[in-house]
Amino acid sequence: MFATKAIFALLPFAFTQISQGAPSPATLTLSEILYHQSEVYSTPAHLATYGGYIDFNLTNSNPAVPGIIHCSAVGMHLTEMFFGEFNYTCASPAGVATNFTYDRPTNGFTLNQTWSEDGRKAYLASGQGSTDLSCKYTSWTNSNWTMGQLYHTENVDCAPGQLVITPEITEISGTYH
C-alpha cells in the first residue's frame, strides 16, 4: 500500500483513465553512483555520530525527458544506512517527477518517473535493479585514547558505479497540470 501511495504521489496530473501503451522503449541509466558512510566513536562505548549518502545522475533515454536528473539521499540507519524502505525525491525539471529507493545490503534501486508528452499523454516508468559497487572500508582506532579524544572511526567509500534499468512504462491519460 505504501509503495502505491508513493507512486501516485509523484504524478503531477489528475487521473481520468489508466491504460496500457507507451512511447518507444526507454532505459533509465544511473551514472556516477557514489556511496559513502561514516561512524565516529568518541569513547569505546559511545557512537558519537554516523551517517551515509547515496548520490547519482539519472538519464531517461526517451527524448521527452530532458537532460540529466540529479538524485541524492542521506541515510541514518546503523551499519548499512539505507534499507530500501524510504522514497527519496530527485531534482527533476518541470513536467517530470522522479523518486527512488536504495537498499545498501543489495545495492538495489527502485525508480519511478513520470513525464508528459505534448501536455496530453503522461507516462509512468517503474523499474528496479542492483549493481556492484567497488568499495573501500577503512577504520582507525586511537590506541592511546584518553577522554576528550576520538576513539575510533569507520568509513566506507565506493568508486563511482553505473546501472541501466529497463523500466515498465505505463501510459496514464489525464489532464496535465
C-alpha atoms as a PDB file:
ATOM      1  CA  MET A   1       0.000   0.000   0.000  1.00  0.00           C
ATOM      2  CA  PHE A   2       2.837   2.393   0.891  1.00  0.00           C
ATOM      3  CA  ALA A   3       4.551   1.829  -2.482  1.00  0.00           C
ATOM      4  CA  THR A   4       1.303   2.523  -4.343  1.00  0.00           C
ATOM      5  CA  LYS A   5       0.827   5.793  -2.476  1.00  0.00           C
ATOM      6  CA  ALA A   6       4.416   6.785  -3.232  1.00  0.00           C
ATOM      7  CA  ILE A   7       3.990   6.164  -6.953  1.00  0.00           C
ATOM      8  CA  PHE A   8       0.772   8.152  -7.157  1.00  0.00           C
ATOM      9  CA  ALA A   9       2.264  10.978  -5.086  1.00  0.00           C
ATOM     10  CA  LEU A  10       4.716  11.620  -7.920  1.00  0.00           C
ATOM     11  CA  LEU A  11       2.120  12.154 -10.590  1.00  0.00           C
ATOM     12  CA  PRO A  12       1.727  15.856 -11.474  1.00  0.00           C
ATOM     13  CA  PHE A  13      -1.698  15.477 -13.078  1.00  0.00           C
ATOM     14  CA  ALA A  14      -5.263  14.358 -12.290  1.00  0.00           C
ATOM     15  CA  PHE A  15      -6.331  10.853 -13.318  1.00  0.00           C
ATOM     16  CA  THR A  16      -9.119  10.302 -15.788  1.00  0.00           C
ATOM     17  CA  GLN A  17      -8.113   6.869 -17.024  1.00  0.00           C
ATOM     18  CA  ILE A  18      -5.253   4.395 -16.822  1.00  0.00           C
ATOM     19  CA  SER A  19      -4.451   2.446 -19.945  1.00  0.00           C
ATOM     20  CA  GLN A  20      -1.648   0.341 -21.352  1.00  0.00           C
ATOM     21  CA  GLY A  21       0.564   1.775 -24.025  1.00  0.00           C
ATOM     22  CA  ALA A  22       3.772   3.719 -24.079  1.00  0.00           C
ATOM     23  CA  PRO A  23       6.246   5.630 -26.129  1.00  0.00           C
ATOM     24  CA  SER A  24       9.212   3.813 -27.598  1.00  0.00           C
ATOM     25  CA  PRO A  25      11.051   1.645 -25.048  1.00  0.00           C
ATOM     26  CA  ALA A  26      13.208   3.632 -22.669  1.00  0.00           C
ATOM     27  CA  THR A  27      16.133   2.894 -20.410  1.00  0.00           C
ATOM     28  CA  LEU A  28      16.937   4.604 -17.139  1.00  0.00           C
ATOM     29  CA  THR A  29      20.691   4.995 -16.685  1.00  0.00           C
ATOM     30  CA  LEU A  30      22.117   5.712 -13.250  1.00  0.00           C
ATOM     31  CA  SER A  31      25.656   7.063 -13.613  1.00  0.00           C
ATOM     32  CA  GLU A  32      28.259   8.354 -11.184  1.00  0.00           C
ATOM     33  CA  ILE A  33      26.663   6.337  -8.357  1.00  0.00           C
ATOM     34  CA  LEU A  34      28.517   7.354  -5.197  1.00  0.00           C
ATOM     35  CA  TYR A  35      28.058   5.850  -1.740  1.00  0.00           C
ATOM     36  CA  HIS A  36      29.736   6.950   1.481  1.00  0.00           C
ATOM     37  CA  GLN A  37      29.157   6.139   5.125  1.00  0.00           C
ATOM     38  CA  SER A  38      30.933   7.072   8.305  1.00  0.00           C
ATOM     39  CA  GLU A  39      30.797   6.228  12.004  1.00  0.00           C
ATOM     40  CA  VAL A  40      32.722   8.099  14.708  1.00  0.00           C
ATOM     41  CA  TYR A  41      33.132   6.835  18.274  1.00  0.00           C
ATOM     42  CA  SER A  42      34.102   9.325  20.966  1.00  0.00           C
ATOM     43  CA  THR A  43      34.716   6.553  23.524  1.00  0.00           C
ATOM     44  CA  PRO A  44      34.913   2.759  23.266  1.00  0.00           C
ATOM     45  CA  ALA A  45      31.218   2.622  24.193  1.00  0.00           C
ATOM     46  CA  HIS A  46      29.793   5.762  22.564  1.00  0.00           C
ATOM     47  CA  LEU A  47      28.896   6.175  18.900  1.00  0.00           C
ATOM     48  CA  ALA A  48      29.113   9.962  18.605  1.00  0.00           C
ATOM     49  CA  THR A  49      27.929  10.431  15.030  1.00  0.00           C
ATOM     50  CA  TYR A  50      27.108   8.377  11.961  1.00  0.00           C
ATOM     51  CA  GLY A  51      25.504   8.728   8.561  1.00  0.00           C
ATOM     52  CA  GLY A  52      25.746   7.971   4.894  1.00  0.00           C
ATOM     53  CA  TYR A  53      24.695   9.225   1.497  1.00  0.00           C
ATOM     54  CA  ILE A  54      23.864   7.891  -1.943  1.00  0.00           C
ATOM     55  CA  ASP A  55      24.242  10.176  -4.936  1.00  0.00           C
ATOM     56  CA  PHE A  56      23.803   9.603  -8.685  1.00  0.00           C
ATOM     57  CA  ASN A  57      22.779  11.115 -12.010  1.00  0.00           C
ATOM     58  CA  LEU A  58      19.792   9.704 -13.892  1.00  0.00           C
ATOM     59  CA  THR A  59      19.152   9.830 -17.629  1.00  0.00           C
ATOM     60  CA  ASN A  60      15.975   8.601 -19.339  1.00  0.00           C
ATOM     61  CA  SER A  61      16.641   7.612 -22.971  1.00  0.00           C
ATOM     62  CA  ASN A  62      13.204   8.906 -24.003  1.00  0.00           C
ATOM     63  CA  PRO A  63      13.721  12.322 -25.663  1.00  0.00           C
ATOM     64  CA  ALA A  64      10.617  13.712 -23.906  1.00  0.00           C
ATOM     65  CA  VAL A  65      12.571  13.632 -20.619  1.00  0.00           C
ATOM     66  CA  PRO A  66      15.234  16.316 -20.977  1.00  0.00           C
ATOM     67  CA  GLY A  67      18.736  16.264 -19.567  1.00  0.00           C
ATOM     68  CA  ILE A  68      20.335  14.692 -16.544  1.00  0.00           C
ATOM     69  CA  ILE A  69      18.412  14.441 -13.290  1.00  0.00           C
ATOM     70  CA  HIS A  70      20.361  14.534 -10.026  1.00  0.00           C
ATOM     71  CA  CYS A  71      19.316  12.207  -7.208  1.00  0.00           C
ATOM     72  CA  SER A  72      20.677  12.199  -3.678  1.00  0.00           C
ATOM     73  CA  ALA A  73      19.688  10.997  -0.217  1.00  0.00           C
ATOM     74  CA  VAL A  74      21.037  10.834   3.316  1.00  0.00           C
ATOM     75  CA  GLY A  75      20.592   7.638   5.331  1.00  0.00           C
ATOM     76  CA  MET A  76      20.756   7.264   9.091  1.00  0.00           C
ATOM     77  CA  HIS A  77      20.342   3.562   9.885  1.00  0.00           C
ATOM     78  CA  LEU A  78      23.151   1.986  11.840  1.00  0.00           C
ATOM     79  CA  THR A  79      25.545  -0.249   9.912  1.00  0.00           C
ATOM     80  CA  GLU A  80      24.178  -0.009   6.362  1.00  0.00           C
ATOM     81  CA  MET A  81      22.416   3.420   6.424  1.00  0.00           C
ATOM     82  CA  PHE A  82      19.762   2.504   3.771  1.00  0.00           C
ATOM     83  CA  PHE A  83      17.357  -0.442   3.696  1.00  0.00           C
ATOM     84  CA  GLY A  84      15.059   0.498   0.805  1.00  0.00           C
ATOM     85  CA  GLU A  85      12.019   1.495   2.852  1.00  0.00           C
ATOM     86  CA  PHE A  86      12.028   5.253   2.158  1.00  0.00           C
ATOM     87  CA  ASN A  87      11.247   7.093  -1.081  1.00  0.00           C
ATOM     88  CA  TYR A  88      13.590   9.943  -1.942  1.00  0.00           C
ATOM     89  CA  THR A  89      12.737  12.683  -4.452  1.00  0.00           C
ATOM     90  CA  CYS A  90      15.170  13.680  -7.203  1.00  0.00           C
ATOM     91  CA  ALA A  91      15.711  17.214  -8.518  1.00  0.00           C
ATOM     92  CA  SER A  92      13.688  16.900 -11.740  1.00  0.00           C
ATOM     93  CA  PRO A  93      12.886  19.517 -14.401  1.00  0.00           C
ATOM     94  CA  ALA A  94       9.367  20.931 -14.768  1.00  0.00           C
ATOM     95  CA  GLY A  95       6.899  18.344 -16.031  1.00  0.00           C
ATOM     96  CA  VAL A  96       8.962  15.417 -14.713  1.00  0.00           C
ATOM     97  CA  ALA A  97       8.769  13.783 -11.273  1.00  0.00           C
ATOM     98  CA  THR A  98      11.283  11.179 -10.106  1.00  0.00           C
ATOM     99  CA  ASN A  99      11.748   9.221  -6.903  1.00  0.00           C
ATOM    100  CA  PHE A 100      13.853   6.268  -5.807  1.00  0.00           C
ATOM    101  CA  THR A 101      14.594   3.862  -3.003  1.00  0.00           C
ATOM    102  CA  TYR A 102      18.016   2.412  -2.190  1.00  0.00           C
ATOM    103  CA  ASP A 103      18.925  -0.754  -0.283  1.00  0.00           C
ATOM    104  CA  ARG A 104      22.599  -0.839   0.730  1.00  0.00           C
ATOM    105  CA  PRO A 105      22.918  -4.583   1.528  1.00  0.00           C
ATOM    106  CA  THR A 106      21.928  -5.472  -2.073  1.00  0.00           C
ATOM    107  CA  ASN A 107      22.890  -2.160  -3.753  1.00  0.00           C
ATOM    108  CA  GLY A 108      19.338  -2.302  -5.091  1.00  0.00           C
ATOM    109  CA  PHE A 109      17.482   0.659  -6.568  1.00  0.00           C
ATOM    110  CA  THR A 110      13.788   1.120  -7.333  1.00  0.00           C
ATOM    111  CA  LEU A 111      12.928   4.046  -9.611  1.00  0.00           C
ATOM    112  CA  ASN A 112       9.637   5.711 -10.522  1.00  0.00           C
ATOM    113  CA  GLN A 113       9.446   8.557 -13.016  1.00  0.00           C
ATOM    114  CA  THR A 114       6.527  10.393 -14.618  1.00  0.00           C
ATOM    115  CA  TRP A 115       6.543  12.780 -17.572  1.00  0.00           C
ATOM    116  CA  SER A 116       4.182  14.084 -20.191  1.00  0.00           C
ATOM    117  CA  GLU A 117       4.399  14.394 -23.937  1.00  0.00           C
ATOM    118  CA  ASP A 118       2.594  17.234 -25.711  1.00  0.00           C
ATOM    119  CA  GLY A 119       0.789  18.095 -22.467  1.00  0.00           C
ATOM    120  CA  ARG A 120      -1.799  15.396 -23.195  1.00  0.00           C
ATOM    121  CA  LYS A 121      -0.259  11.996 -22.583  1.00  0.00           C
ATOM    122  CA  ALA A 122       1.527  11.160 -19.372  1.00  0.00           C
ATOM    123  CA  TYR A 123       3.715   8.159 -18.631  1.00  0.00           C
ATOM    124  CA  LEU A 124       4.941   6.301 -15.574  1.00  0.00           C
ATOM    125  CA  ALA A 125       8.232   4.398 -15.811  1.00  0.00           C
ATOM    126  CA  SER A 126       8.869   1.942 -12.967  1.00  0.00           C
ATOM    127  CA  GLY A 127      11.866  -0.317 -12.648  1.00  0.00           C
ATOM    128  CA  GLN A 128      14.402  -1.832 -10.345  1.00  0.00           C
ATOM    129  CA  GLY A 129      17.887  -3.251 -10.457  1.00  0.00           C
ATOM    130  CA  SER A 130      21.081  -3.646  -8.499  1.00  0.00           C
ATOM    131  CA  THR A 131      24.733  -3.008  -9.168  1.00  0.00           C
ATOM    132  CA  ASP A 132      28.108  -3.976  -7.773  1.00  0.00           C
ATOM    133  CA  LEU A 133      29.867  -1.064  -6.134  1.00  0.00           C
ATOM    134  CA  SER A 134      33.605  -1.266  -5.551  1.00  0.00           C
ATOM    135  CA  CYS A 135      34.012  -0.019  -2.003  1.00  0.00           C
ATOM    136  CA  LYS A 136      36.948   0.670   0.278  1.00  0.00           C
ATOM    137  CA  TYR A 137      36.478   0.086   4.011  1.00  0.00           C
ATOM    138  CA  THR A 138      38.800   1.960   6.362  1.00  0.00           C
ATOM    139  CA  SER A 139      38.963   2.173  10.119  1.00  0.00           C
ATOM    140  CA  TRP A 140      41.194   3.844  12.658  1.00  0.00           C
ATOM    141  CA  THR A 141      41.500   3.279  16.393  1.00  0.00           C
ATOM    142  CA  ASN A 142      43.328   5.566  18.803  1.00  0.00           C
ATOM    143  CA  SER A 143      45.396   3.057  20.779  1.00  0.00           C
ATOM    144  CA  ASN A 144      46.418   5.772  23.279  1.00  0.00           C
ATOM    145  CA  TRP A 145      42.890   7.092  23.723  1.00  0.00           C
ATOM    146  CA  THR A 146      42.052   9.349  26.670  1.00  0.00           C
ATOM    147  CA  MET A 147      38.820  11.216  27.460  1.00  0.00           C
ATOM    148  CA  GLY A 148      38.234  14.144  25.132  1.00  0.00           C
ATOM    149  CA  GLN A 149      39.843  12.454  22.122  1.00  0.00           C
ATOM    150  CA  LEU A 150      38.285  10.464  19.304  1.00  0.00           C
ATOM    151  CA  TYR A 151      38.452   6.748  19.946  1.00  0.00           C
ATOM    152  CA  HIS A 152      37.536   5.106  16.619  1.00  0.00           C
ATOM    153  CA  THR A 153      36.333   5.888  13.085  1.00  0.00           C
ATOM    154  CA  GLU A 154      34.961   3.664  10.318  1.00  0.00           C
ATOM    155  CA  ASN A 155      34.371   4.754   6.711  1.00  0.00           C
ATOM    156  CA  VAL A 156      33.061   3.201   3.521  1.00  0.00           C
ATOM    157  CA  ASP A 157      33.800   4.975   0.237  1.00  0.00           C
ATOM    158  CA  CYS A 158      32.658   3.478  -3.059  1.00  0.00           C
ATOM    159  CA  ALA A 159      34.072   4.198  -6.507  1.00  0.00           C
ATOM    160  CA  PRO A 160      31.549   5.630  -8.978  1.00  0.00           C
ATOM    161  CA  GLY A 161      29.249   2.942 -10.346  1.00  0.00           C
ATOM    162  CA  GLN A 162      26.635   2.624 -13.070  1.00  0.00           C
ATOM    163  CA  LEU A 163      23.343   0.791 -13.560  1.00  0.00           C
ATOM    164  CA  VAL A 164      20.990   0.549 -16.538  1.00  0.00           C
ATOM    165  CA  ILE A 165      17.337  -0.313 -15.846  1.00  0.00           C
ATOM    166  CA  THR A 166      14.747  -1.167 -18.483  1.00  0.00           C
ATOM    167  CA  PRO A 167      11.551   0.018 -16.802  1.00  0.00           C
ATOM    168  CA  GLU A 168       7.949  -0.962 -17.336  1.00  0.00           C
ATOM    169  CA  ILE A 169       6.215   2.042 -18.898  1.00  0.00           C
ATOM    170  CA  THR A 170       2.510   2.716 -18.462  1.00  0.00           C
ATOM    171  CA  GLU A 171       0.542   5.417 -20.238  1.00  0.00           C
ATOM    172  CA  ILE A 172      -1.627   7.404 -17.885  1.00  0.00           C
ATOM    173  CA  SER A 173      -4.178   9.557 -19.662  1.00  0.00           C
ATOM    174  CA  GLY A 174      -5.243  12.607 -17.753  1.00  0.00           C
ATOM    175  CA  THR A 175      -5.319  16.340 -17.568  1.00  0.00           C
ATOM    176  CA  TYR A 176      -1.798  17.607 -17.194  1.00  0.00           C
ATOM    177  CA  HIS A 177      -1.212  20.404 -14.670  1.00  0.00           C
END
